[in-house]
Amino acid sequence: MPRSGTEAVADPLAEGSPPRLGSPLPRRFYERPVVAVARALIGRLLVRDTPGGRVAGRIVEVEAYGDGDDPASHARAGRTARNAAMFGPAGHAYVYFTYGMHHCLNLVTGREGRAAAVLVRALEPALGLAIMRKRRGPVPDPRLASGPGCVARALGLTRAHDGLDLTRGPLWISDLRPRRRGLPVVAGSRIGIREGTGRAWRFRLAGHPSVSGPRAAARASRRGPRAPVRTPGGRPVPGMGRVSPLTPRARVPSMRAPQAPR
């Protein structure tokens, strides 16, 4: 089946062939508006070189922040010690620590002094999976770098890597053509913010298994339909919710009063 122009070449990371990773993208790639850079990053290879080995993954989900009056940006209140890297120059990493447990990787864009960066939300693991598994533990391979905290953990990034020059390494984006496996790039609202929700600045490969976000609907569809709550006599109890058909013995209703129909 014919694919888009980004799919017309052989995969440089195809099994059985020596990996070809290209060279770091030049700074001019990043010296553009943050939304343009965010969309252009989808399908590109993100590489991290360490003494313990090289890891790489294809970017499948990002979010754009900043570029002026973005109320969801870390820079909305001005420059601080934490967000200084976000003010440029473009083509550097901005790594921050959040919730007391996660690091997150951002790629700085635009004009120096005008804070803007792209949050890398998810990667498709492509190289160094054994290293990623060791860092992430027992999770399915497509989920090794699914979610911004998981991206940083899979790549071994901390605040010590804040400010790295992406045009030199050891952290860099390859200049090889992006590969999107025939999947469309879709835009939507950013996740986990309270302000700026009307901006469709989250970009992702639709249907890709490494994309982050809620998966409850998919899990529910795999489990199949559930049976209604019933009394010990076997009659359905209206307004009492639903439980798994695998629940053993009699189904006993909740002690809460039934909810009114909506």
C-alpha atoms as a PDB file:
ATOM      1  CA  MET A   1       0.000   0.000   0.000  1.00  0.00           C
ATOM      2  CA  PRO A   2       1.505   3.365  -0.960  1.00  0.00           C
ATOM      3  CA  ARG A   3       2.400   5.641   1.933  1.00  0.00           C
ATOM      4  CA  SER A   4       3.144   9.313   2.370  1.00  0.00           C
ATOM      5  CA  GLY A   5       6.388  10.896   1.225  1.00  0.00           C
ATOM      6  CA  THR A   6       7.881  10.467   4.678  1.00  0.00           C
ATOM      7  CA  GLU A   7       7.482   6.682   4.306  1.00  0.00           C
ATOM      8  CA  ALA A   8       9.055   6.164   0.889  1.00  0.00           C
ATOM      9  CA  VAL A   9      12.513   5.185   2.135  1.00  0.00           C
ATOM     10  CA  ALA A  10      13.794   2.131   3.945  1.00  0.00           C
ATOM     11  CA  ASP A  11      13.704   2.283   7.738  1.00  0.00           C
ATOM     12  CA  PRO A  12      17.247   3.168   8.908  1.00  0.00           C
ATOM     13  CA  LEU A  13      16.623   1.151  12.076  1.00  0.00           C
ATOM     14  CA  ALA A  14      15.228  -1.937  10.332  1.00  0.00           C
ATOM     15  CA  GLU A  15      16.074  -5.198  12.037  1.00  0.00           C
ATOM     16  CA  GLY A  16      19.132  -6.905  10.583  1.00  0.00           C
ATOM     17  CA  SER A  17      20.743  -3.734   9.219  1.00  0.00           C
ATOM     18  CA  PRO A  18      23.276  -1.468  10.942  1.00  0.00           C
ATOM     19  CA  PRO A  19      21.464   1.558  12.377  1.00  0.00           C
ATOM     20  CA  ARG A  20      21.896   4.835  10.507  1.00  0.00           C
ATOM     21  CA  LEU A  21      21.040   7.713  12.764  1.00  0.00           C
ATOM     22  CA  GLY A  22      22.090  10.701  10.693  1.00  0.00           C
ATOM     23  CA  SER A  23      23.416  13.914  12.259  1.00  0.00           C
ATOM     24  CA  PRO A  24      21.943  16.455  14.707  1.00  0.00           C
ATOM     25  CA  LEU A  25      19.470  18.894  13.233  1.00  0.00           C
ATOM     26  CA  PRO A  26      20.912  22.414  12.767  1.00  0.00           C
ATOM     27  CA  ARG A  27      19.902  25.264  15.035  1.00  0.00           C
ATOM     28  CA  ARG A  28      17.813  26.888  12.324  1.00  0.00           C
ATOM     29  CA  PHE A  29      15.334  23.992  12.619  1.00  0.00           C
ATOM     30  CA  TYR A  30      14.512  25.191  16.144  1.00  0.00           C
ATOM     31  CA  GLU A  31      14.604  28.934  15.381  1.00  0.00           C
ATOM     32  CA  ARG A  32      10.967  28.928  14.269  1.00  0.00           C
ATOM     33  CA  PRO A  33       7.590  29.386  15.987  1.00  0.00           C
ATOM     34  CA  VAL A  34       7.025  26.706  18.609  1.00  0.00           C
ATOM     35  CA  VAL A  35       3.875  25.260  17.003  1.00  0.00           C
ATOM     36  CA  ALA A  36       5.632  24.788  13.657  1.00  0.00           C
ATOM     37  CA  VAL A  37       8.559  23.020  15.344  1.00  0.00           C
ATOM     38  CA  ALA A  38       6.235  20.848  17.419  1.00  0.00           C
ATOM     39  CA  ARG A  39       4.410  19.480  14.380  1.00  0.00           C
ATOM     40  CA  ALA A  40       7.669  19.013  12.451  1.00  0.00           C
ATOM     41  CA  LEU A  41       9.129  16.885  15.269  1.00  0.00           C
ATOM     42  CA  ILE A  42       6.538  14.126  14.891  1.00  0.00           C
ATOM     43  CA  GLY A  43       8.181  11.031  13.412  1.00  0.00           C
ATOM     44  CA  ARG A  44      11.735  12.247  13.966  1.00  0.00           C
ATOM     45  CA  LEU A  45      14.362  10.257  15.841  1.00  0.00           C
ATOM     46  CA  LEU A  46      15.468  11.458  19.292  1.00  0.00           C
ATOM     47  CA  VAL A  47      18.872  10.074  20.291  1.00  0.00           C
ATOM     48  CA  ARG A  48      20.632   9.955  23.664  1.00  0.00           C
ATOM     49  CA  ASP A  49      24.274   8.859  23.903  1.00  0.00           C
ATOM     50  CA  THR A  50      25.636   7.674  27.252  1.00  0.00           C
ATOM     51  CA  PRO A  51      28.705   5.742  28.418  1.00  0.00           C
ATOM     52  CA  GLY A  52      26.354   2.816  29.038  1.00  0.00           C
ATOM     53  CA  GLY A  53      25.034   2.780  25.486  1.00  0.00           C
ATOM     54  CA  ARG A  54      22.862   4.603  22.979  1.00  0.00           C
ATOM     55  CA  VAL A  55      19.088   4.816  23.165  1.00  0.00           C
ATOM     56  CA  ALA A  56      16.745   6.302  20.596  1.00  0.00           C
ATOM     57  CA  GLY A  57      13.048   6.635  19.908  1.00  0.00           C
ATOM     58  CA  ARG A  58      10.757   8.217  17.348  1.00  0.00           C
ATOM     59  CA  ILE A  59       8.771  11.175  18.593  1.00  0.00           C
ATOM     60  CA  VAL A  60       5.059  10.338  18.392  1.00  0.00           C
ATOM     61  CA  GLU A  61       3.536  12.951  20.717  1.00  0.00           C
ATOM     62  CA  VAL A  62       4.459  16.513  21.719  1.00  0.00           C
ATOM     63  CA  GLU A  63       2.957  19.692  23.147  1.00  0.00           C
ATOM     64  CA  ALA A  64       3.907  23.304  22.385  1.00  0.00           C
ATOM     65  CA  TYR A  65       4.246  25.911  25.160  1.00  0.00           C
ATOM     66  CA  GLY A  66       5.102  29.592  25.359  1.00  0.00           C
ATOM     67  CA  ASP A  67       5.644  31.960  22.447  1.00  0.00           C
ATOM     68  CA  GLY A  68       4.118  35.015  24.075  1.00  0.00           C
ATOM     69  CA  ASP A  69       0.885  34.982  26.056  1.00  0.00           C
ATOM     70  CA  ASP A  70       0.453  31.264  26.762  1.00  0.00           C
ATOM     71  CA  PRO A  71      -1.136  31.019  30.252  1.00  0.00           C
ATOM     72  CA  ALA A  72      -0.056  27.356  30.546  1.00  0.00           C
ATOM     73  CA  SER A  73       3.639  28.131  29.996  1.00  0.00           C
ATOM     74  CA  HIS A  74       6.216  27.861  32.788  1.00  0.00           C
ATOM     75  CA  ALA A  75       7.465  31.255  31.623  1.00  0.00           C
ATOM     76  CA  ARG A  76       4.153  33.088  32.038  1.00  0.00           C
ATOM     77  CA  ALA A  77       5.467  34.878  35.158  1.00  0.00           C
ATOM     78  CA  GLY A  78       8.925  35.586  33.753  1.00  0.00           C
ATOM     79  CA  ARG A  79      12.400  34.110  33.989  1.00  0.00           C
ATOM     80  CA  THR A  80      13.394  32.030  37.023  1.00  0.00           C
ATOM     81  CA  ALA A  81      16.289  29.748  37.885  1.00  0.00           C
ATOM     82  CA  ARG A  82      14.073  26.792  36.978  1.00  0.00           C
ATOM     83  CA  ASN A  83      12.899  27.936  33.545  1.00  0.00           C
ATOM     84  CA  ALA A  84      15.934  29.968  32.385  1.00  0.00           C
ATOM     85  CA  ALA A  85      16.800  27.497  29.613  1.00  0.00           C
ATOM     86  CA  MET A  86      13.361  28.053  28.079  1.00  0.00           C
ATOM     87  CA  PHE A  87      14.341  31.629  27.144  1.00  0.00           C
ATOM     88  CA  GLY A  88      16.914  30.360  24.666  1.00  0.00           C
ATOM     89  CA  PRO A  89      18.845  30.291  22.580  1.00  0.00           C
ATOM     90  CA  ALA A  90      16.849  27.821  20.515  1.00  0.00           C
ATOM     91  CA  GLY A  91      18.104  24.278  20.079  1.00  0.00           C
ATOM     92  CA  HIS A  92      18.760  23.556  23.755  1.00  0.00           C
ATOM     93  CA  ALA A  93      17.080  21.179  26.207  1.00  0.00           C
ATOM     94  CA  TYR A  94      14.868  22.426  29.010  1.00  0.00           C
ATOM     95  CA  VAL A  95      14.534  19.676  31.642  1.00  0.00           C
ATOM     96  CA  TYR A  96      12.389  20.320  34.709  1.00  0.00           C
ATOM     97  CA  PHE A  97      11.337  18.286  37.754  1.00  0.00           C
ATOM     98  CA  THR A  98       7.657  18.004  38.648  1.00  0.00           C
ATOM     99  CA  TYR A  99       5.357  16.392  41.212  1.00  0.00           C
ATOM    100  CA  GLY A 100       8.423  15.527  43.279  1.00  0.00           C
ATOM    101  CA  MET A 101       9.092  12.467  41.128  1.00  0.00           C
ATOM    102  CA  HIS A 102       9.240  13.076  37.346  1.00  0.00           C
ATOM    103  CA  HIS A 103      11.624  14.845  34.995  1.00  0.00           C
ATOM    104  CA  CYS A 104      10.289  16.171  31.685  1.00  0.00           C
ATOM    105  CA  LEU A 105      12.166  16.954  28.472  1.00  0.00           C
ATOM    106  CA  ASN A 106      11.440  20.070  26.410  1.00  0.00           C
ATOM    107  CA  LEU A 107      13.134  21.373  23.268  1.00  0.00           C
ATOM    108  CA  VAL A 108      13.635  25.157  23.188  1.00  0.00           C
ATOM    109  CA  THR A 109      12.455  27.020  20.064  1.00  0.00           C
ATOM    110  CA  GLY A 110      11.999  30.482  18.579  1.00  0.00           C
ATOM    111  CA  ARG A 111      13.782  33.762  19.226  1.00  0.00           C
ATOM    112  CA  GLU A 112      16.167  34.129  22.149  1.00  0.00           C
ATOM    113  CA  GLY A 113      14.504  35.948  25.035  1.00  0.00           C
ATOM    114  CA  ARG A 114      10.978  34.872  24.038  1.00  0.00           C
ATOM    115  CA  ALA A 115      10.407  31.692  26.049  1.00  0.00           C
ATOM    116  CA  ALA A 116       9.017  28.779  24.029  1.00  0.00           C
ATOM    117  CA  ALA A 117       9.576  25.031  24.110  1.00  0.00           C
ATOM    118  CA  VAL A 118       8.148  21.721  22.924  1.00  0.00           C
ATOM    119  CA  LEU A 119       7.377  19.102  25.576  1.00  0.00           C
ATOM    120  CA  VAL A 120       8.206  15.574  24.359  1.00  0.00           C
ATOM    121  CA  ARG A 121       5.301  13.470  25.604  1.00  0.00           C
ATOM    122  CA  ALA A 122       5.978  10.084  23.996  1.00  0.00           C
ATOM    123  CA  LEU A 123       8.487   8.106  21.946  1.00  0.00           C
ATOM    124  CA  GLU A 124       8.257   4.901  19.963  1.00  0.00           C
ATOM    125  CA  PRO A 125      11.271   2.934  21.333  1.00  0.00           C
ATOM    126  CA  ALA A 126      13.671   2.252  18.465  1.00  0.00           C
ATOM    127  CA  LEU A 127      17.165   1.551  19.801  1.00  0.00           C
ATOM    128  CA  GLY A 128      18.635   0.498  23.143  1.00  0.00           C
ATOM    129  CA  LEU A 129      15.447  -1.167  24.366  1.00  0.00           C
ATOM    130  CA  ALA A 130      17.363  -3.287  26.901  1.00  0.00           C
ATOM    131  CA  ILE A 131      18.614  -0.098  28.553  1.00  0.00           C
ATOM    132  CA  MET A 132      15.127   1.414  28.526  1.00  0.00           C
ATOM    133  CA  ARG A 133      13.647  -1.748  30.081  1.00  0.00           C
ATOM    134  CA  LYS A 134      16.196  -1.642  32.879  1.00  0.00           C
ATOM    135  CA  ARG A 135      15.319   1.977  33.632  1.00  0.00           C
ATOM    136  CA  ARG A 136      11.554   1.553  33.328  1.00  0.00           C
ATOM    137  CA  GLY A 137      10.890  -1.913  34.692  1.00  0.00           C
ATOM    138  CA  PRO A 138       8.328  -4.475  33.500  1.00  0.00           C
ATOM    139  CA  VAL A 139       6.148  -2.531  31.078  1.00  0.00           C
ATOM    140  CA  PRO A 140       5.245  -3.417  27.469  1.00  0.00           C
ATOM    141  CA  ASP A 141       7.835  -2.150  24.985  1.00  0.00           C
ATOM    142  CA  PRO A 142       5.463   0.332  23.267  1.00  0.00           C
ATOM    143  CA  ARG A 143       4.872   1.973  26.689  1.00  0.00           C
ATOM    144  CA  LEU A 144       8.544   2.327  27.697  1.00  0.00           C
ATOM    145  CA  ALA A 145       8.533   6.037  26.794  1.00  0.00           C
ATOM    146  CA  SER A 146       4.808   6.801  26.856  1.00  0.00           C
ATOM    147  CA  GLY A 147       4.197   9.950  28.876  1.00  0.00           C
ATOM    148  CA  PRO A 148       6.631  12.815  29.543  1.00  0.00           C
ATOM    149  CA  GLY A 149       7.973  11.390  32.803  1.00  0.00           C
ATOM    150  CA  CYS A 150       8.546   8.029  31.137  1.00  0.00           C
ATOM    151  CA  VAL A 151      10.412   9.698  28.254  1.00  0.00           C
ATOM    152  CA  ALA A 152      12.938  11.243  30.637  1.00  0.00           C
ATOM    153  CA  ARG A 153      13.315   8.041  32.638  1.00  0.00           C
ATOM    154  CA  ALA A 154      13.786   5.858  29.553  1.00  0.00           C
ATOM    155  CA  LEU A 155      16.442   8.264  28.273  1.00  0.00           C
ATOM    156  CA  GLY A 156      18.110   8.651  31.678  1.00  0.00           C
ATOM    157  CA  LEU A 157      17.559  12.424  31.890  1.00  0.00           C
ATOM    158  CA  THR A 158      17.597  14.603  35.022  1.00  0.00           C
ATOM    159  CA  ARG A 159      17.950  18.296  35.835  1.00  0.00           C
ATOM    160  CA  ALA A 160      21.675  17.825  35.276  1.00  0.00           C
ATOM    161  CA  HIS A 161      20.885  17.693  31.545  1.00  0.00           C
ATOM    162  CA  ASP A 162      19.020  21.008  31.533  1.00  0.00           C
ATOM    163  CA  GLY A 163      20.536  23.328  28.924  1.00  0.00           C
ATOM    164  CA  LEU A 164      22.183  20.653  26.752  1.00  0.00           C
ATOM    165  CA  ASP A 165      22.902  21.838  23.196  1.00  0.00           C
ATOM    166  CA  LEU A 166      20.745  19.698  20.908  1.00  0.00           C
ATOM    167  CA  THR A 167      22.888  20.540  17.883  1.00  0.00           C
ATOM    168  CA  ARG A 168      25.964  18.812  19.372  1.00  0.00           C
ATOM    169  CA  GLY A 169      24.850  15.912  21.540  1.00  0.00           C
ATOM    170  CA  PRO A 170      24.857  13.763  23.610  1.00  0.00           C
ATOM    171  CA  LEU A 171      21.116  14.476  23.276  1.00  0.00           C
ATOM    172  CA  TRP A 172      19.970  15.290  19.747  1.00  0.00           C
ATOM    173  CA  ILE A 173      17.307  15.008  17.058  1.00  0.00           C
ATOM    174  CA  SER A 174      18.353  13.259  13.862  1.00  0.00           C
ATOM    175  CA  ASP A 175      18.208  15.053  10.523  1.00  0.00           C
ATOM    176  CA  LEU A 176      16.919  11.889   8.838  1.00  0.00           C
ATOM    177  CA  ARG A 177      13.490  12.185   7.285  1.00  0.00           C
ATOM    178  CA  PRO A 178      10.615  11.698   9.740  1.00  0.00           C
ATOM    179  CA  ARG A 179       8.818   8.348   9.641  1.00  0.00           C
ATOM    180  CA  ARG A 180       5.156   8.241  10.604  1.00  0.00           C
ATOM    181  CA  ARG A 181       4.208   4.730   9.434  1.00  0.00           C
ATOM    182  CA  GLY A 182       1.305   6.052   7.388  1.00  0.00           C
ATOM    183  CA  LEU A 183      -0.472   7.441  10.461  1.00  0.00           C
ATOM    184  CA  PRO A 184      -1.940  10.959  10.382  1.00  0.00           C
ATOM    185  CA  VAL A 185      -0.689  13.744  12.650  1.00  0.00           C
ATOM    186  CA  VAL A 186      -3.627  15.103  14.646  1.00  0.00           C
ATOM    187  CA  ALA A 187      -3.879  18.185  16.853  1.00  0.00           C
ATOM    188  CA  GLY A 188      -5.802  18.573  20.089  1.00  0.00           C
ATOM    189  CA  SER A 189      -5.886  20.194  23.515  1.00  0.00           C
ATOM    190  CA  ARG A 190      -2.906  19.864  25.800  1.00  0.00           C
ATOM    191  CA  ILE A 191      -3.128  17.474  28.752  1.00  0.00           C
ATOM    192  CA  GLY A 192      -3.034  18.312  32.472  1.00  0.00           C
ATOM    193  CA  ILE A 193      -3.460  22.090  32.282  1.00  0.00           C
ATOM    194  CA  ARG A 194      -6.167  24.405  33.611  1.00  0.00           C
ATOM    195  CA  GLU A 195      -5.565  27.441  31.423  1.00  0.00           C
ATOM    196  CA  GLY A 196      -4.941  27.704  27.708  1.00  0.00           C
ATOM    197  CA  THR A 197      -7.064  24.616  27.098  1.00  0.00           C
ATOM    198  CA  GLY A 198      -8.535  26.085  23.919  1.00  0.00           C
ATOM    199  CA  ARG A 199      -5.236  25.892  22.041  1.00  0.00           C
ATOM    200  CA  ALA A 200      -4.824  22.778  19.893  1.00  0.00           C
ATOM    201  CA  TRP A 201      -1.099  22.595  20.588  1.00  0.00           C
ATOM    202  CA  ARG A 202      -0.786  18.883  21.284  1.00  0.00           C
ATOM    203  CA  PHE A 203       0.329  16.876  18.250  1.00  0.00           C
ATOM    204  CA  ARG A 204       0.373  13.087  18.026  1.00  0.00           C
ATOM    205  CA  LEU A 205       0.315  10.172  15.628  1.00  0.00           C
ATOM    206  CA  ALA A 206      -3.297   9.025  15.693  1.00  0.00           C
ATOM    207  CA  GLY A 207      -3.675   5.425  16.810  1.00  0.00           C
ATOM    208  CA  HIS A 208      -0.008   4.870  17.675  1.00  0.00           C
ATOM    209  CA  PRO A 209       0.396   2.465  20.652  1.00  0.00           C
ATOM    210  CA  SER A 210       3.084   4.633  22.291  1.00  0.00           C
ATOM    211  CA  VAL A 211       0.959   7.775  22.501  1.00  0.00           C
ATOM    212  CA  SER A 212       0.177   8.704  26.118  1.00  0.00           C
ATOM    213  CA  GLY A 213      -3.153   9.670  27.654  1.00  0.00           C
ATOM    214  CA  PRO A 214      -6.245   7.890  29.019  1.00  0.00           C
ATOM    215  CA  ARG A 215      -6.649   4.297  27.908  1.00  0.00           C
ATOM    216  CA  ALA A 216      -9.633   3.361  30.065  1.00  0.00           C
ATOM    217  CA  ALA A 217     -11.962   3.192  27.078  1.00  0.00           C
ATOM    218  CA  ALA A 218      -9.654   0.791  25.277  1.00  0.00           C
ATOM    219  CA  ARG A 219      -9.355  -1.409  28.374  1.00  0.00           C
ATOM    220  CA  ALA A 220     -13.119  -1.428  28.804  1.00  0.00           C
ATOM    221  CA  SER A 221     -13.674  -2.462  25.200  1.00  0.00           C
ATOM    222  CA  ARG A 222     -11.292  -5.383  25.652  1.00  0.00           C
ATOM    223  CA  ARG A 223     -13.140  -6.526  28.785  1.00  0.00           C
ATOM    224  CA  GLY A 224     -16.474  -6.477  27.019  1.00  0.00           C
ATOM    225  CA  PRO A 225     -19.904  -5.530  28.438  1.00  0.00           C
ATOM    226  CA  ARG A 226     -20.553  -5.667  32.163  1.00  0.00           C
ATOM    227  CA  ALA A 227     -23.602  -6.988  33.979  1.00  0.00           C
ATOM    228  CA  PRO A 228     -25.878  -4.701  36.030  1.00  0.00           C
ATOM    229  CA  VAL A 229     -25.842  -4.743  39.846  1.00  0.00           C
ATOM    230  CA  ARG A 230     -28.492  -7.097  41.163  1.00  0.00           C
ATOM    231  CA  THR A 231     -30.163  -7.788  44.493  1.00  0.00           C
ATOM    232  CA  PRO A 232     -29.690 -11.174  46.229  1.00  0.00           C
ATOM    233  CA  GLY A 233     -32.974 -12.112  44.580  1.00  0.00           C
ATOM    234  CA  GLY A 234     -31.547 -11.479  41.140  1.00  0.00           C
ATOM    235  CA  ARG A 235     -33.408  -8.301  40.203  1.00  0.00           C
ATOM    236  CA  PRO A 236     -31.482  -5.361  38.629  1.00  0.00           C
ATOM    237  CA  VAL A 237     -31.041  -2.385  40.953  1.00  0.00           C
ATOM    238  CA  PRO A 238     -31.674   0.888  39.083  1.00  0.00           C
ATOM    239  CA  GLY A 239     -29.114   3.650  39.457  1.00  0.00           C
ATOM    240  CA  MET A 240     -26.597   1.468  41.278  1.00  0.00           C
ATOM    241  CA  GLY A 241     -23.901   1.303  38.608  1.00  0.00           C
ATOM    242  CA  ARG A 242     -22.354  -1.813  37.050  1.00  0.00           C
ATOM    243  CA  VAL A 243     -19.912  -4.482  38.186  1.00  0.00           C
ATOM    244  CA  SER A 244     -17.902  -7.161  36.451  1.00  0.00           C
ATOM    245  CA  PRO A 245     -19.796 -10.331  35.451  1.00  0.00           C
ATOM    246  CA  LEU A 246     -16.904 -12.215  37.078  1.00  0.00           C
ATOM    247  CA  THR A 247     -17.821 -10.938  40.547  1.00  0.00           C
ATOM    248  CA  PRO A 248     -18.331 -14.120  42.662  1.00  0.00           C
ATOM    249  CA  ARG A 249     -21.527 -15.059  44.494  1.00  0.00           C
ATOM    250  CA  ALA A 250     -24.452 -12.729  45.017  1.00  0.00           C
ATOM    251  CA  ARG A 251     -24.260  -9.156  43.847  1.00  0.00           C
ATOM    252  CA  VAL A 252     -25.092  -6.856  46.755  1.00  0.00           C
ATOM    253  CA  PRO A 253     -26.126  -3.256  46.059  1.00  0.00           C
ATOM    254  CA  SER A 254     -24.152  -0.300  47.365  1.00  0.00           C
ATOM    255  CA  MET A 255     -25.183   1.426  50.588  1.00  0.00           C
ATOM    256  CA  ARG A 256     -25.442   4.712  48.714  1.00  0.00           C
ATOM    257  CA  ALA A 257     -28.844   5.974  47.601  1.00  0.00           C
ATOM    258  CA  PRO A 258     -29.631   5.535  43.896  1.00  0.00           C
ATOM    259  CA  GLN A 259     -28.671   8.494  41.738  1.00  0.00           C
ATOM    260  CA  ALA A 260     -31.385  10.407  39.942  1.00  0.00           C
ATOM    261  CA  PRO A 261     -31.553   9.826  36.174  1.00  0.00           C
ATOM    262  CA  ARG A 262     -29.674  12.393  34.041  1.00  0.00           C
END
